[in-house]
Amino acid sequence: MFTIIGFMLTGITLGYLFRNIAWLQKTEKSISLTIILLLFLLGTSVGSNQLIVNNLATFGGQAAILALSATCGSILASWMVLRFFFRKGGEQ
């Protein structure tokens, strides 16, 4: 994990240092295509894994519960921040 974070921080640092080089500014399209290719390969590896495919309903249910919980928690947290930190002067 630290290796991945190290590579990411190195890329960020190099991108910041060489941000004025013209050909580096034209990498946006290739980055998008690379991400699409990686997502496709991830999908094919998940689709070829029998364990995941056989338990897709279970994993889907767990994913739905996690997504619903995260959404409700975010709504609650944003409501609390709005209520306690952004009150108008005369309102109680």
PDB file of N, CA and C in Angstrom:
ATOM      1  N   MET A   1       0.819  -1.185   0.000  1.00  0.00           N
ATOM      2  CA  MET A   1       0.000   0.000   0.000  1.00  0.00           C
ATOM      3  C   MET A   1       0.868   1.257   0.000  1.00  0.00           C
ATOM      4  N   PHE A   2       1.937   1.232   0.775  1.00  0.00           N
ATOM      5  CA  PHE A   2       2.823   2.390   0.802  1.00  0.00           C
ATOM      6  C   PHE A   2       3.527   2.581  -0.541  1.00  0.00           C
ATOM      7  N   THR A   3       3.758   1.486  -1.256  1.00  0.00           N
ATOM      8  CA  THR A   3       4.360   1.584  -2.582  1.00  0.00           C
ATOM      9  C   THR A   3       3.425   2.319  -3.534  1.00  0.00           C
ATOM     10  N   ILE A   4       2.148   1.982  -3.493  1.00  0.00           N
ATOM     11  CA  ILE A   4       1.175   2.633  -4.369  1.00  0.00           C
ATOM     12  C   ILE A   4       1.059   4.112  -4.025  1.00  0.00           C
ATOM     13  N   ILE A   5       0.981   4.428  -2.741  1.00  0.00           N
ATOM     14  CA  ILE A   5       0.901   5.830  -2.321  1.00  0.00           C
ATOM     15  C   ILE A   5       2.170   6.571  -2.719  1.00  0.00           C
ATOM     16  N   GLY A   6       3.316   5.906  -2.595  1.00  0.00           N
ATOM     17  CA  GLY A   6       4.580   6.516  -2.999  1.00  0.00           C
ATOM     18  C   GLY A   6       4.621   6.826  -4.487  1.00  0.00           C
ATOM     19  N   PHE A   7       4.147   5.874  -5.313  1.00  0.00           N
ATOM     20  CA  PHE A   7       4.089   6.125  -6.754  1.00  0.00           C
ATOM     21  C   PHE A   7       3.152   7.282  -7.071  1.00  0.00           C
ATOM     22  N   MET A   8       2.018   7.342  -6.378  1.00  0.00           N
ATOM     23  CA  MET A   8       1.069   8.419  -6.633  1.00  0.00           C
ATOM     24  C   MET A   8       1.662   9.774  -6.244  1.00  0.00           C
ATOM     25  N   LEU A   9       2.298   9.844  -5.100  1.00  0.00           N
ATOM     26  CA  LEU A   9       2.903  11.104  -4.673  1.00  0.00           C
ATOM     27  C   LEU A   9       4.062  11.506  -5.591  1.00  0.00           C
ATOM     28  N   THR A  10       4.811  10.522  -6.065  1.00  0.00           N
ATOM     29  CA  THR A  10       5.884  10.822  -7.021  1.00  0.00           C
ATOM     30  C   THR A  10       5.307  11.386  -8.306  1.00  0.00           C
ATOM     31  N   GLY A  11       4.214  10.786  -8.795  1.00  0.00           N
ATOM     32  CA  GLY A  11       3.570  11.293 -10.004  1.00  0.00           C
ATOM     33  C   GLY A  11       3.025  12.697  -9.820  1.00  0.00           C
ATOM     34  N   ILE A  12       2.436  12.952  -8.673  1.00  0.00           N
ATOM     35  CA  ILE A  12       1.919  14.298  -8.395  1.00  0.00           C
ATOM     36  C   ILE A  12       3.058  15.305  -8.367  1.00  0.00           C
ATOM     37  N   THR A  13       4.148  14.934  -7.712  1.00  0.00           N
ATOM     38  CA  THR A  13       5.300  15.839  -7.622  1.00  0.00           C
ATOM     39  C   THR A  13       5.893  16.114  -8.995  1.00  0.00           C
ATOM     40  N   LEU A  14       6.092  15.058  -9.778  1.00  0.00           N
ATOM     41  CA  LEU A  14       6.646  15.248 -11.123  1.00  0.00           C
ATOM     42  C   LEU A  14       5.691  16.038 -12.010  1.00  0.00           C
ATOM     43  N   GLY A  15       4.395  15.780 -11.895  1.00  0.00           N
ATOM     44  CA  GLY A  15       3.414  16.538 -12.669  1.00  0.00           C
ATOM     45  C   GLY A  15       3.429  18.007 -12.311  1.00  0.00           C
ATOM     46  N   TYR A  16       3.596  18.292 -11.029  1.00  0.00           N
ATOM     47  CA  TYR A  16       3.660  19.694 -10.598  1.00  0.00           C
ATOM     48  C   TYR A  16       4.937  20.361 -11.106  1.00  0.00           C
ATOM     49  N   LEU A  17       6.059  19.662 -11.012  1.00  0.00           N
ATOM     50  CA  LEU A  17       7.329  20.250 -11.432  1.00  0.00           C
ATOM     51  C   LEU A  17       7.390  20.479 -12.940  1.00  0.00           C
ATOM     52  N   PHE A  18       6.797  19.565 -13.728  1.00  0.00           N
ATOM     53  CA  PHE A  18       6.874  19.651 -15.187  1.00  0.00           C
ATOM     54  C   PHE A  18       5.550  20.073 -15.807  1.00  0.00           C
ATOM     55  N   ARG A  19       4.756  20.858 -15.102  1.00  0.00           N
ATOM     56  CA  ARG A  19       3.425  21.232 -15.568  1.00  0.00           C
ATOM     57  C   ARG A  19       3.437  22.171 -16.770  1.00  0.00           C
ATOM     58  N   ASN A  20       4.543  22.812 -17.043  1.00  0.00           N
ATOM     59  CA  ASN A  20       4.606  23.764 -18.155  1.00  0.00           C
ATOM     60  C   ASN A  20       5.105  23.136 -19.452  1.00  0.00           C
ATOM     61  N   ILE A  21       5.410  21.857 -19.450  1.00  0.00           N
ATOM     62  CA  ILE A  21       5.863  21.178 -20.668  1.00  0.00           C
ATOM     63  C   ILE A  21       4.640  20.870 -21.529  1.00  0.00           C
ATOM     64  N   ALA A  22       4.715  21.261 -22.802  1.00  0.00           N
ATOM     65  CA  ALA A  22       3.534  21.219 -23.686  1.00  0.00           C
ATOM     66  C   ALA A  22       3.001  19.810 -23.902  1.00  0.00           C
ATOM     67  N   TRP A  23       3.857  18.824 -24.170  1.00  0.00           N
ATOM     68  CA  TRP A  23       3.344  17.495 -24.483  1.00  0.00           C
ATOM     69  C   TRP A  23       2.747  16.804 -23.266  1.00  0.00           C
ATOM     70  N   LEU A  24       3.126  17.207 -22.063  1.00  0.00           N
ATOM     71  CA  LEU A  24       2.515  16.639 -20.860  1.00  0.00           C
ATOM     72  C   LEU A  24       1.099  17.160 -20.645  1.00  0.00           C
ATOM     73  N   GLN A  25       0.804  18.332 -21.206  1.00  0.00           N
ATOM     74  CA  GLN A  25      -0.539  18.881 -21.068  1.00  0.00           C
ATOM     75  C   GLN A  25      -1.532  18.205 -22.006  1.00  0.00           C
ATOM     76  N   LYS A  26      -1.056  17.409 -22.947  1.00  0.00           N
ATOM     77  CA  LYS A  26      -1.921  16.731 -23.904  1.00  0.00           C
ATOM     78  C   LYS A  26      -2.206  15.275 -23.510  1.00  0.00           C
ATOM     79  N   THR A  27      -1.986  14.925 -22.269  1.00  0.00           N
ATOM     80  CA  THR A  27      -2.157  13.536 -21.843  1.00  0.00           C
ATOM     81  C   THR A  27      -3.558  13.229 -21.335  1.00  0.00           C
ATOM     82  N   GLU A  28      -4.449  14.208 -21.301  1.00  0.00           N
ATOM     83  CA  GLU A  28      -5.776  13.987 -20.727  1.00  0.00           C
ATOM     84  C   GLU A  28      -6.552  12.902 -21.458  1.00  0.00           C
ATOM     85  N   LYS A  29      -6.518  12.906 -22.781  1.00  0.00           N
ATOM     86  CA  LYS A  29      -7.265  11.910 -23.544  1.00  0.00           C
ATOM     87  C   LYS A  29      -6.693  10.516 -23.331  1.00  0.00           C
ATOM     88  N   SER A  30      -5.377  10.402 -23.318  1.00  0.00           N
ATOM     89  CA  SER A  30      -4.781   9.081 -23.111  1.00  0.00           C
ATOM     90  C   SER A  30      -5.050   8.573 -21.695  1.00  0.00           C
ATOM     91  N   ILE A  31      -5.120   9.449 -20.732  1.00  0.00           N
ATOM     92  CA  ILE A  31      -5.433   9.034 -19.366  1.00  0.00           C
ATOM     93  C   ILE A  31      -6.861   8.515 -19.296  1.00  0.00           C
ATOM     94  N   SER A  32      -7.795   9.193 -19.946  1.00  0.00           N
ATOM     95  CA  SER A  32      -9.188   8.733 -19.961  1.00  0.00           C
ATOM     96  C   SER A  32      -9.308   7.369 -20.630  1.00  0.00           C
ATOM     97  N   LEU A  33      -8.628   7.184 -21.745  1.00  0.00           N
ATOM     98  CA  LEU A  33      -8.662   5.893 -22.432  1.00  0.00           C
ATOM     99  C   LEU A  33      -8.044   4.788 -21.577  1.00  0.00           C
ATOM    100  N   THR A  34      -6.977   5.107 -20.872  1.00  0.00           N
ATOM    101  CA  THR A  34      -6.339   4.126 -19.996  1.00  0.00           C
ATOM    102  C   THR A  34      -7.269   3.724 -18.855  1.00  0.00           C
ATOM    103  N   ILE A  35      -7.971   4.677 -18.274  1.00  0.00           N
ATOM    104  CA  ILE A  35      -8.912   4.369 -17.195  1.00  0.00           C
ATOM    105  C   ILE A  35     -10.052   3.505 -17.712  1.00  0.00           C
ATOM    106  N   ILE A  36     -10.564   3.812 -18.904  1.00  0.00           N
ATOM    107  CA  ILE A  36     -11.625   3.002 -19.499  1.00  0.00           C
ATOM    108  C   ILE A  36     -11.127   1.579 -19.737  1.00  0.00           C
ATOM    109  N   LEU A  37      -9.912   1.419 -20.239  1.00  0.00           N
ATOM    110  CA  LEU A  37      -9.340   0.094 -20.455  1.00  0.00           C
ATOM    111  C   LEU A  37      -9.177  -0.666 -19.144  1.00  0.00           C
ATOM    112  N   LEU A  38      -8.713   0.011 -18.103  1.00  0.00           N
ATOM    113  CA  LEU A  38      -8.561  -0.637 -16.799  1.00  0.00           C
ATOM    114  C   LEU A  38      -9.909  -1.079 -16.232  1.00  0.00           C
ATOM    115  N   LEU A  39     -10.940  -0.262 -16.380  1.00  0.00           N
ATOM    116  CA  LEU A  39     -12.269  -0.650 -15.918  1.00  0.00           C
ATOM    117  C   LEU A  39     -12.802  -1.846 -16.702  1.00  0.00           C
ATOM    118  N   PHE A  40     -12.536  -1.876 -18.014  1.00  0.00           N
ATOM    119  CA  PHE A  40     -12.950  -3.016 -18.830  1.00  0.00           C
ATOM    120  C   PHE A  40     -12.250  -4.288 -18.366  1.00  0.00           C
ATOM    121  N   LEU A  41     -10.953  -4.208 -18.136  1.00  0.00           N
ATOM    122  CA  LEU A  41     -10.207  -5.376 -17.675  1.00  0.00           C
ATOM    123  C   LEU A  41     -10.666  -5.824 -16.292  1.00  0.00           C
ATOM    124  N   LEU A  42     -10.988  -4.877 -15.420  1.00  0.00           N
ATOM    125  CA  LEU A  42     -11.529  -5.227 -14.106  1.00  0.00           C
ATOM    126  C   LEU A  42     -12.856  -5.953 -14.257  1.00  0.00           C
ATOM    127  N   GLY A  43     -13.710  -5.479 -15.155  1.00  0.00           N
ATOM    128  CA  GLY A  43     -14.991  -6.131 -15.394  1.00  0.00           C
ATOM    129  C   GLY A  43     -14.826  -7.541 -15.939  1.00  0.00           C
ATOM    130  N   THR A  44     -13.881  -7.733 -16.848  1.00  0.00           N
ATOM    131  CA  THR A  44     -13.679  -9.082 -17.378  1.00  0.00           C
ATOM    132  C   THR A  44     -13.116 -10.021 -16.322  1.00  0.00           C
ATOM    133  N   SER A  45     -12.253  -9.527 -15.448  1.00  0.00           N
ATOM    134  CA  SER A  45     -11.718 -10.398 -14.397  1.00  0.00           C
ATOM    135  C   SER A  45     -12.797 -10.742 -13.369  1.00  0.00           C
ATOM    136  N   VAL A  46     -13.676  -9.791 -13.052  1.00  0.00           N
ATOM    137  CA  VAL A  46     -14.783 -10.082 -12.141  1.00  0.00           C
ATOM    138  C   VAL A  46     -15.755 -11.054 -12.794  1.00  0.00           C
ATOM    139  N   GLY A  47     -16.059 -10.859 -14.066  1.00  0.00           N
ATOM    140  CA  GLY A  47     -16.984 -11.737 -14.769  1.00  0.00           C
ATOM    141  C   GLY A  47     -16.471 -13.149 -14.938  1.00  0.00           C
ATOM    142  N   SER A  48     -15.168 -13.326 -14.991  1.00  0.00           N
ATOM    143  CA  SER A  48     -14.600 -14.663 -15.154  1.00  0.00           C
ATOM    144  C   SER A  48     -14.392 -15.379 -13.820  1.00  0.00           C
ATOM    145  N   ASN A  49     -14.589 -14.699 -12.712  1.00  0.00           N
ATOM    146  CA  ASN A  49     -14.420 -15.306 -11.386  1.00  0.00           C
ATOM    147  C   ASN A  49     -15.739 -15.950 -10.968  1.00  0.00           C
ATOM    148  N   GLN A  50     -15.768 -17.284 -10.928  1.00  0.00           N
ATOM    149  CA  GLN A  50     -16.999 -18.012 -10.612  1.00  0.00           C
ATOM    150  C   GLN A  50     -17.507 -17.710  -9.211  1.00  0.00           C
ATOM    151  N   LEU A  51     -16.609 -17.524  -8.248  1.00  0.00           N
ATOM    152  CA  LEU A  51     -17.022 -17.238  -6.872  1.00  0.00           C
ATOM    153  C   LEU A  51     -17.823 -15.945  -6.804  1.00  0.00           C
ATOM    154  N   ILE A  52     -17.347 -14.922  -7.485  1.00  0.00           N
ATOM    155  CA  ILE A  52     -18.049 -13.636  -7.476  1.00  0.00           C
ATOM    156  C   ILE A  52     -19.371 -13.738  -8.223  1.00  0.00           C
ATOM    157  N   VAL A  53     -19.360 -14.379  -9.373  1.00  0.00           N
ATOM    158  CA  VAL A  53     -20.581 -14.486 -10.172  1.00  0.00           C
ATOM    159  C   VAL A  53     -21.647 -15.291  -9.420  1.00  0.00           C
ATOM    160  N   ASN A  54     -21.252 -16.384  -8.764  1.00  0.00           N
ATOM    161  CA  ASN A  54     -22.213 -17.209  -8.034  1.00  0.00           C
ATOM    162  C   ASN A  54     -22.790 -16.495  -6.813  1.00  0.00           C
ATOM    163  N   ASN A  55     -22.052 -15.576  -6.235  1.00  0.00           N
ATOM    164  CA  ASN A  55     -22.500 -14.870  -5.038  1.00  0.00           C
ATOM    165  C   ASN A  55     -22.853 -13.415  -5.322  1.00  0.00           C
ATOM    166  N   LEU A  56     -23.182 -13.114  -6.560  1.00  0.00           N
ATOM    167  CA  LEU A  56     -23.450 -11.736  -6.958  1.00  0.00           C
ATOM    168  C   LEU A  56     -24.643 -11.140  -6.217  1.00  0.00           C
ATOM    169  N   ALA A  57     -25.665 -11.937  -5.963  1.00  0.00           N
ATOM    170  CA  ALA A  57     -26.831 -11.428  -5.227  1.00  0.00           C
ATOM    171  C   ALA A  57     -26.449 -11.041  -3.804  1.00  0.00           C
ATOM    172  N   THR A  58     -25.641 -11.850  -3.161  1.00  0.00           N
ATOM    173  CA  THR A  58     -25.194 -11.530  -1.798  1.00  0.00           C
ATOM    174  C   THR A  58     -24.336 -10.280  -1.794  1.00  0.00           C
ATOM    175  N   PHE A  59     -23.371 -10.227  -2.716  1.00  0.00           N
ATOM    176  CA  PHE A  59     -22.503  -9.053  -2.785  1.00  0.00           C
ATOM    177  C   PHE A  59     -23.292  -7.804  -3.148  1.00  0.00           C
ATOM    178  N   GLY A  60     -24.271  -7.947  -4.039  1.00  0.00           N
ATOM    179  CA  GLY A  60     -25.104  -6.812  -4.436  1.00  0.00           C
ATOM    180  C   GLY A  60     -25.924  -6.290  -3.273  1.00  0.00           C
ATOM    181  N   GLY A  61     -26.463  -7.201  -2.467  1.00  0.00           N
ATOM    182  CA  GLY A  61     -27.231  -6.785  -1.287  1.00  0.00           C
ATOM    183  C   GLY A  61     -26.361  -6.051  -0.283  1.00  0.00           C
ATOM    184  N   GLN A  62     -25.176  -6.585  -0.048  1.00  0.00           N
ATOM    185  CA  GLN A  62     -24.250  -5.917   0.868  1.00  0.00           C
ATOM    186  C   GLN A  62     -23.837  -4.554   0.326  1.00  0.00           C
ATOM    187  N   ALA A  63     -23.612  -4.467  -0.967  1.00  0.00           N
ATOM    188  CA  ALA A  63     -23.233  -3.184  -1.576  1.00  0.00           C
ATOM    189  C   ALA A  63     -24.364  -2.177  -1.466  1.00  0.00           C
ATOM    190  N   ALA A  64     -25.606  -2.642  -1.638  1.00  0.00           N
ATOM    191  CA  ALA A  64     -26.753  -1.732  -1.516  1.00  0.00           C
ATOM    192  C   ALA A  64     -26.884  -1.214  -0.091  1.00  0.00           C
ATOM    193  N   ILE A  65     -26.699  -2.091   0.887  1.00  0.00           N
ATOM    194  CA  ILE A  65     -26.770  -1.662   2.295  1.00  0.00           C
ATOM    195  C   ILE A  65     -25.662  -0.663   2.603  1.00  0.00           C
ATOM    196  N   LEU A  66     -24.451  -0.934   2.129  1.00  0.00           N
ATOM    197  CA  LEU A  66     -23.342   0.001   2.365  1.00  0.00           C
ATOM    198  C   LEU A  66     -23.601   1.350   1.696  1.00  0.00           C
ATOM    199  N   ALA A  67     -24.105   1.327   0.468  1.00  0.00           N
ATOM    200  CA  ALA A  67     -24.371   2.583  -0.240  1.00  0.00           C
ATOM    201  C   ALA A  67     -25.472   3.376   0.448  1.00  0.00           C
ATOM    202  N   LEU A  68     -26.532   2.696   0.879  1.00  0.00           N
ATOM    203  CA  LEU A  68     -27.625   3.369   1.579  1.00  0.00           C
ATOM    204  C   LEU A  68     -27.153   3.950   2.911  1.00  0.00           C
ATOM    205  N   SER A  69     -26.353   3.184   3.638  1.00  0.00           N
ATOM    206  CA  SER A  69     -25.826   3.671   4.917  1.00  0.00           C
ATOM    207  C   SER A  69     -24.912   4.881   4.725  1.00  0.00           C
ATOM    208  N   ALA A  70     -24.053   4.828   3.715  1.00  0.00           N
ATOM    209  CA  ALA A  70     -23.149   5.944   3.449  1.00  0.00           C
ATOM    210  C   ALA A  70     -23.928   7.184   3.037  1.00  0.00           C
ATOM    211  N   THR A  71     -24.966   7.010   2.229  1.00  0.00           N
ATOM    212  CA  THR A  71     -25.779   8.150   1.801  1.00  0.00           C
ATOM    213  C   THR A  71     -26.506   8.772   2.980  1.00  0.00           C
ATOM    214  N   CYS A  72     -27.125   7.938   3.817  1.00  0.00           N
ATOM    215  CA  CYS A  72     -27.838   8.453   5.001  1.00  0.00           C
ATOM    216  C   CYS A  72     -26.876   9.141   5.963  1.00  0.00           C
ATOM    217  N   GLY A  73     -25.699   8.560   6.166  1.00  0.00           N
ATOM    218  CA  GLY A  73     -24.703   9.184   7.037  1.00  0.00           C
ATOM    219  C   GLY A  73     -24.224  10.525   6.503  1.00  0.00           C
ATOM    220  N   SER A  74     -24.038  10.627   5.194  1.00  0.00           N
ATOM    221  CA  SER A  74     -23.612  11.893   4.595  1.00  0.00           C
ATOM    222  C   SER A  74     -24.697  12.956   4.721  1.00  0.00           C
ATOM    223  N   ILE A  75     -25.944  12.561   4.513  1.00  0.00           N
ATOM    224  CA  ILE A  75     -27.055  13.510   4.657  1.00  0.00           C
ATOM    225  C   ILE A  75     -27.145  13.993   6.099  1.00  0.00           C
ATOM    226  N   LEU A  76     -27.032  13.071   7.048  1.00  0.00           N
ATOM    227  CA  LEU A  76     -27.096  13.443   8.462  1.00  0.00           C
ATOM    228  C   LEU A  76     -25.945  14.373   8.848  1.00  0.00           C
ATOM    229  N   ALA A  77     -24.737  14.041   8.401  1.00  0.00           N
ATOM    230  CA  ALA A  77     -23.576  14.873   8.734  1.00  0.00           C
ATOM    231  C   ALA A  77     -23.696  16.260   8.106  1.00  0.00           C
ATOM    232  N   SER A  78     -24.145  16.337   6.861  1.00  0.00           N
ATOM    233  CA  SER A  78     -24.281  17.659   6.237  1.00  0.00           C
ATOM    234  C   SER A  78     -25.394  18.467   6.896  1.00  0.00           C
ATOM    235  N   TRP A  79     -26.462  17.823   7.313  1.00  0.00           N
ATOM    236  CA  TRP A  79     -27.529  18.527   8.023  1.00  0.00           C
ATOM    237  C   TRP A  79     -27.006  19.078   9.348  1.00  0.00           C
ATOM    238  N   MET A  80     -26.195  18.273  10.077  1.00  0.00           N
ATOM    239  CA  MET A  80     -25.648  18.737  11.355  1.00  0.00           C
ATOM    240  C   MET A  80     -24.696  19.909  11.155  1.00  0.00           C
ATOM    241  N   VAL A  81     -23.856  19.840  10.128  1.00  0.00           N
ATOM    242  CA  VAL A  81     -22.934  20.952   9.850  1.00  0.00           C
ATOM    243  C   VAL A  81     -23.725  22.200   9.489  1.00  0.00           C
ATOM    244  N   LEU A  82     -24.739  22.048   8.659  1.00  0.00           N
ATOM    245  CA  LEU A  82     -25.563  23.197   8.289  1.00  0.00           C
ATOM    246  C   LEU A  82     -26.247  23.792   9.506  1.00  0.00           C
ATOM    247  N   ARG A  83     -26.778  22.941  10.358  1.00  0.00           N
ATOM    248  CA  ARG A  83     -27.527  23.410  11.535  1.00  0.00           C
ATOM    249  C   ARG A  83     -26.630  24.081  12.569  1.00  0.00           C
ATOM    250  N   PHE A  84     -25.470  23.506  12.848  1.00  0.00           N
ATOM    251  CA  PHE A  84     -24.641  24.011  13.938  1.00  0.00           C
ATOM    252  C   PHE A  84     -23.610  25.055  13.525  1.00  0.00           C
ATOM    253  N   PHE A  85     -23.208  25.087  12.260  1.00  0.00           N
ATOM    254  CA  PHE A  85     -22.159  26.005  11.866  1.00  0.00           C
ATOM    255  C   PHE A  85     -22.614  27.126  10.951  1.00  0.00           C
ATOM    256  N   PHE A  86     -23.786  26.998  10.348  1.00  0.00           N
ATOM    257  CA  PHE A  86     -24.237  28.017   9.393  1.00  0.00           C
ATOM    258  C   PHE A  86     -25.587  28.576   9.767  1.00  0.00           C
ATOM    259  N   ARG A  87     -25.811  28.809  11.047  1.00  0.00           N
ATOM    260  CA  ARG A  87     -27.055  29.443  11.494  1.00  0.00           C
ATOM    261  C   ARG A  87     -27.034  30.909  11.154  1.00  0.00           C
ATOM    262  N   LYS A  88     -28.217  31.441  10.882  1.00  0.00           N
ATOM    263  CA  LYS A  88     -28.318  32.879  10.681  1.00  0.00           C
ATOM    264  C   LYS A  88     -28.379  33.547  12.048  1.00  0.00           C
ATOM    265  N   GLY A  89     -28.026  34.795  12.112  1.00  0.00           N
ATOM    266  CA  GLY A  89     -27.881  35.517  13.383  1.00  0.00           C
ATOM    267  C   GLY A  89     -29.081  35.453  14.297  1.00  0.00           C
ATOM    268  N   GLY A  90     -30.304  35.706  13.824  1.00  0.00           N
ATOM    269  CA  GLY A  90     -31.457  35.791  14.704  1.00  0.00           C
ATOM    270  C   GLY A  90     -32.216  34.490  14.879  1.00  0.00           C
ATOM    271  N   GLU A  91     -31.898  33.454  14.129  1.00  0.00           N
ATOM    272  CA  GLU A  91     -32.657  32.204  14.200  1.00  0.00           C
ATOM    273  C   GLU A  91     -32.174  31.340  15.337  1.00  0.00           C
ATOM    274  N   GLN A  92     -33.082  30.596  15.918  1.00  0.00           N
ATOM    275  CA  GLN A  92     -32.739  29.678  17.006  1.00  0.00           C
ATOM    276  C   GLN A  92     -32.811  28.257  16.536  1.00  0.00           C
TER     277      GLN A  92
END
